[in-house]
Amino acid sequence: MAATLTFTLEVRIVHSGMNGTIREHLKPGMKVKIVLKKDQRTGILTEGVIKSILTKSAMHPHGIKVLLEDGAIGRVKEIVL
């Protein structure tokens, strides 16, 4: 009797034309990957949906700071489409 394996492939697209350093590229409701303050040394990214944008300036070289819907706060490193 042969066993059958089933795999699920998840494909995510990261938009290269937009990045997390420019405020106007970000809107509430967008899915992004952020780096939390505690993860800055390791570079571990946390994925979530933007609830609000905290950085007031038009750009920030380390990423625009956002609040995610789950309450996490960090700087945007990637925009997930």
N, C-alpha and C. Protein backbone atom coordinates (compact mmCIF):
# COMPACT_ATOMS: atom_id res chain seq x y z
N MET A 1 0.85 -1.17 0.00
CA MET A 1 0.00 0.00 0.00
C MET A 1 0.90 1.24 0.00
N ALA A 2 0.72 2.12 -0.96
CA ALA A 2 1.55 3.31 -1.10
C ALA A 2 0.93 4.48 -0.35
N ALA A 3 1.80 5.31 0.26
CA ALA A 3 1.34 6.51 0.96
C ALA A 3 1.30 7.68 -0.02
N THR A 4 0.36 8.56 0.16
CA THR A 4 0.24 9.74 -0.69
C THR A 4 0.54 10.98 0.13
N LEU A 5 1.42 11.82 -0.41
CA LEU A 5 1.77 13.08 0.26
C LEU A 5 1.12 14.23 -0.49
N THR A 6 0.61 15.18 0.25
CA THR A 6 0.01 16.37 -0.34
C THR A 6 0.75 17.59 0.18
N PHE A 7 1.14 18.48 -0.72
CA PHE A 7 1.86 19.70 -0.36
C PHE A 7 1.05 20.91 -0.77
N THR A 8 1.14 21.96 0.02
CA THR A 8 0.52 23.24 -0.32
C THR A 8 1.63 24.24 -0.55
N LEU A 9 1.60 24.91 -1.67
CA LEU A 9 2.60 25.91 -2.01
C LEU A 9 2.00 27.30 -1.84
N GLU A 10 2.64 28.12 -1.02
CA GLU A 10 2.18 29.48 -0.81
C GLU A 10 3.15 30.42 -1.51
N VAL A 11 2.63 31.26 -2.39
CA VAL A 11 3.46 32.20 -3.13
C VAL A 11 3.13 33.60 -2.65
N ARG A 12 4.16 34.36 -2.28
CA ARG A 12 3.98 35.75 -1.87
C ARG A 12 4.82 36.63 -2.77
N ILE A 13 4.26 37.72 -3.16
CA ILE A 13 4.96 38.66 -4.02
C ILE A 13 5.32 39.88 -3.21
N VAL A 14 6.59 40.25 -3.23
CA VAL A 14 7.05 41.46 -2.58
C VAL A 14 7.27 42.48 -3.69
N HIS A 15 6.58 43.59 -3.63
CA HIS A 15 6.65 44.60 -4.68
C HIS A 15 7.97 45.35 -4.59
N SER A 16 8.79 45.22 -5.63
CA SER A 16 10.12 45.84 -5.61
C SER A 16 10.09 47.33 -5.93
N GLY A 17 9.00 47.82 -6.56
CA GLY A 17 8.92 49.23 -6.91
C GLY A 17 8.57 50.12 -5.73
N MET A 18 8.01 49.53 -4.69
CA MET A 18 7.64 50.28 -3.50
C MET A 18 8.43 49.71 -2.33
N ASN A 19 8.79 50.57 -1.41
CA ASN A 19 9.47 50.04 -0.23
C ASN A 19 8.96 50.74 1.01
N GLY A 20 9.36 50.24 2.14
CA GLY A 20 8.85 50.72 3.41
C GLY A 20 9.48 52.00 3.91
N THR A 21 10.34 52.64 3.11
CA THR A 21 10.98 53.88 3.56
C THR A 21 10.22 55.12 3.13
N ILE A 22 9.22 54.97 2.27
CA ILE A 22 8.46 56.13 1.76
C ILE A 22 7.02 56.04 2.25
N ARG A 23 6.60 57.04 3.01
CA ARG A 23 5.30 57.03 3.68
C ARG A 23 4.13 56.91 2.71
N GLU A 24 4.20 57.57 1.56
CA GLU A 24 3.05 57.56 0.65
C GLU A 24 2.83 56.20 -0.01
N HIS A 25 3.79 55.28 0.10
CA HIS A 25 3.62 53.93 -0.42
C HIS A 25 2.79 53.05 0.52
N LEU A 26 2.55 53.54 1.74
CA LEU A 26 1.87 52.74 2.76
C LEU A 26 0.48 53.28 3.06
N LYS A 27 -0.46 52.38 3.26
CA LYS A 27 -1.84 52.75 3.60
C LYS A 27 -2.37 51.75 4.63
N PRO A 28 -3.24 52.19 5.55
CA PRO A 28 -3.88 51.24 6.46
C PRO A 28 -4.58 50.14 5.66
N GLY A 29 -4.48 48.90 6.15
CA GLY A 29 -5.08 47.77 5.46
C GLY A 29 -4.09 46.98 4.62
N MET A 30 -2.91 47.55 4.37
CA MET A 30 -1.90 46.85 3.58
C MET A 30 -1.19 45.80 4.41
N LYS A 31 -0.81 44.69 3.77
CA LYS A 31 -0.04 43.64 4.43
C LYS A 31 1.44 43.97 4.25
N VAL A 32 2.18 43.97 5.36
CA VAL A 32 3.60 44.32 5.35
C VAL A 32 4.39 43.39 6.27
N LYS A 33 5.70 43.45 6.14
CA LYS A 33 6.61 42.79 7.07
C LYS A 33 7.41 43.88 7.76
N ILE A 34 7.42 43.83 9.10
CA ILE A 34 8.11 44.84 9.89
C ILE A 34 9.19 44.19 10.74
N VAL A 35 10.14 45.01 11.18
CA VAL A 35 11.10 44.54 12.17
C VAL A 35 10.75 45.22 13.48
N LEU A 36 10.53 44.40 14.51
CA LEU A 36 10.24 44.91 15.84
C LEU A 36 11.53 45.42 16.47
N LYS A 37 11.44 46.33 17.41
CA LYS A 37 12.61 46.88 18.10
C LYS A 37 13.48 45.75 18.68
N LYS A 38 12.84 44.75 19.30
CA LYS A 38 13.59 43.66 19.93
C LYS A 38 14.28 42.76 18.90
N ASP A 39 13.84 42.82 17.63
CA ASP A 39 14.41 41.97 16.59
C ASP A 39 15.36 42.71 15.65
N GLN A 40 15.71 43.95 15.96
CA GLN A 40 16.56 44.72 15.06
C GLN A 40 17.92 44.07 14.83
N ARG A 41 18.50 43.47 15.86
CA ARG A 41 19.82 42.83 15.72
C ARG A 41 19.76 41.58 14.85
N THR A 42 18.68 40.81 14.98
CA THR A 42 18.56 39.55 14.24
C THR A 42 17.93 39.74 12.87
N GLY A 43 17.15 40.80 12.70
CA GLY A 43 16.48 41.04 11.42
C GLY A 43 15.24 40.19 11.21
N ILE A 44 14.76 39.54 12.26
CA ILE A 44 13.54 38.73 12.15
C ILE A 44 12.37 39.64 11.80
N LEU A 45 11.58 39.24 10.80
CA LEU A 45 10.45 40.05 10.34
C LEU A 45 9.14 39.48 10.87
N THR A 46 8.22 40.39 11.18
CA THR A 46 6.88 40.06 11.65
C THR A 46 5.89 40.55 10.60
N GLU A 47 5.00 39.67 10.17
CA GLU A 47 4.03 40.04 9.14
C GLU A 47 2.71 40.44 9.78
N GLY A 48 2.06 41.42 9.18
CA GLY A 48 0.76 41.84 9.67
C GLY A 48 0.14 42.88 8.76
N VAL A 49 -1.00 43.39 9.19
CA VAL A 49 -1.76 44.39 8.42
C VAL A 49 -1.67 45.72 9.15
N ILE A 50 -1.38 46.78 8.39
CA ILE A 50 -1.22 48.12 8.96
C ILE A 50 -2.55 48.63 9.52
N LYS A 51 -2.53 49.03 10.78
CA LYS A 51 -3.69 49.70 11.40
C LYS A 51 -3.53 51.21 11.27
N SER A 52 -2.31 51.70 11.58
CA SER A 52 -2.05 53.14 11.42
C SER A 52 -0.56 53.37 11.19
N ILE A 53 -0.27 54.51 10.58
CA ILE A 53 1.11 54.90 10.28
C ILE A 53 1.55 55.88 11.36
N LEU A 54 2.66 55.58 12.03
CA LEU A 54 3.12 56.39 13.15
C LEU A 54 4.14 57.45 12.76
N THR A 55 4.97 57.19 11.75
CA THR A 55 5.96 58.17 11.30
C THR A 55 5.26 59.30 10.56
N LYS A 56 5.57 60.53 10.94
CA LYS A 56 4.93 61.69 10.32
C LYS A 56 5.71 62.21 9.11
N SER A 57 7.02 61.96 9.03
CA SER A 57 7.82 62.47 7.92
C SER A 57 7.54 61.67 6.64
N ALA A 58 7.87 62.26 5.50
CA ALA A 58 7.60 61.65 4.20
C ALA A 58 8.44 60.40 3.95
N MET A 59 9.62 60.34 4.55
CA MET A 59 10.46 59.15 4.40
C MET A 59 11.34 58.95 5.62
N HIS A 60 11.79 57.72 5.79
CA HIS A 60 12.71 57.39 6.87
C HIS A 60 13.64 56.30 6.35
N PRO A 61 14.96 56.48 6.46
CA PRO A 61 15.90 55.53 5.86
C PRO A 61 15.83 54.11 6.43
N HIS A 62 15.33 53.94 7.64
CA HIS A 62 15.25 52.61 8.25
C HIS A 62 13.86 52.00 8.15
N GLY A 63 12.93 52.71 7.51
CA GLY A 63 11.56 52.22 7.36
C GLY A 63 10.58 53.07 8.14
N ILE A 64 9.40 53.21 7.58
CA ILE A 64 8.32 53.97 8.23
C ILE A 64 7.78 53.15 9.40
N LYS A 65 7.60 53.78 10.55
CA LYS A 65 7.09 53.08 11.73
C LYS A 65 5.57 52.98 11.65
N VAL A 66 5.05 51.76 11.87
CA VAL A 66 3.62 51.52 11.79
C VAL A 66 3.14 50.72 12.99
N LEU A 67 1.84 50.81 13.22
CA LEU A 67 1.14 49.99 14.21
C LEU A 67 0.35 48.97 13.42
N LEU A 68 0.54 47.69 13.74
CA LEU A 68 -0.22 46.64 13.06
C LEU A 68 -1.53 46.38 13.80
N GLU A 69 -2.45 45.70 13.14
CA GLU A 69 -3.76 45.42 13.74
C GLU A 69 -3.66 44.57 15.01
N ASP A 70 -2.57 43.78 15.13
CA ASP A 70 -2.41 42.95 16.33
C ASP A 70 -1.70 43.68 17.47
N GLY A 71 -1.38 44.98 17.26
CA GLY A 71 -0.75 45.80 18.29
C GLY A 71 0.76 45.90 18.20
N ALA A 72 1.37 45.16 17.30
CA ALA A 72 2.83 45.22 17.13
C ALA A 72 3.22 46.54 16.48
N ILE A 73 4.36 47.10 16.91
CA ILE A 73 4.88 48.34 16.36
C ILE A 73 6.29 48.08 15.84
N GLY A 74 6.55 48.53 14.62
CA GLY A 74 7.88 48.35 14.06
C GLY A 74 8.03 49.13 12.76
N ARG A 75 9.22 48.99 12.17
CA ARG A 75 9.52 49.67 10.91
C ARG A 75 9.31 48.75 9.73
N VAL A 76 8.66 49.26 8.68
CA VAL A 76 8.34 48.45 7.50
C VAL A 76 9.61 48.14 6.71
N LYS A 77 9.79 46.85 6.45
CA LYS A 77 10.92 46.38 5.64
C LYS A 77 10.47 45.87 4.29
N GLU A 78 9.25 45.34 4.21
CA GLU A 78 8.72 44.81 2.96
C GLU A 78 7.22 45.06 2.89
N ILE A 79 6.75 45.27 1.65
CA ILE A 79 5.32 45.37 1.38
C ILE A 79 4.93 44.08 0.68
N VAL A 80 3.96 43.36 1.23
CA VAL A 80 3.52 42.07 0.67
C VAL A 80 2.25 42.29 -0.11
N LEU A 81 2.24 41.85 -1.37
CA LEU A 81 1.04 42.01 -2.20
C LEU A 81 0.29 40.70 -2.30
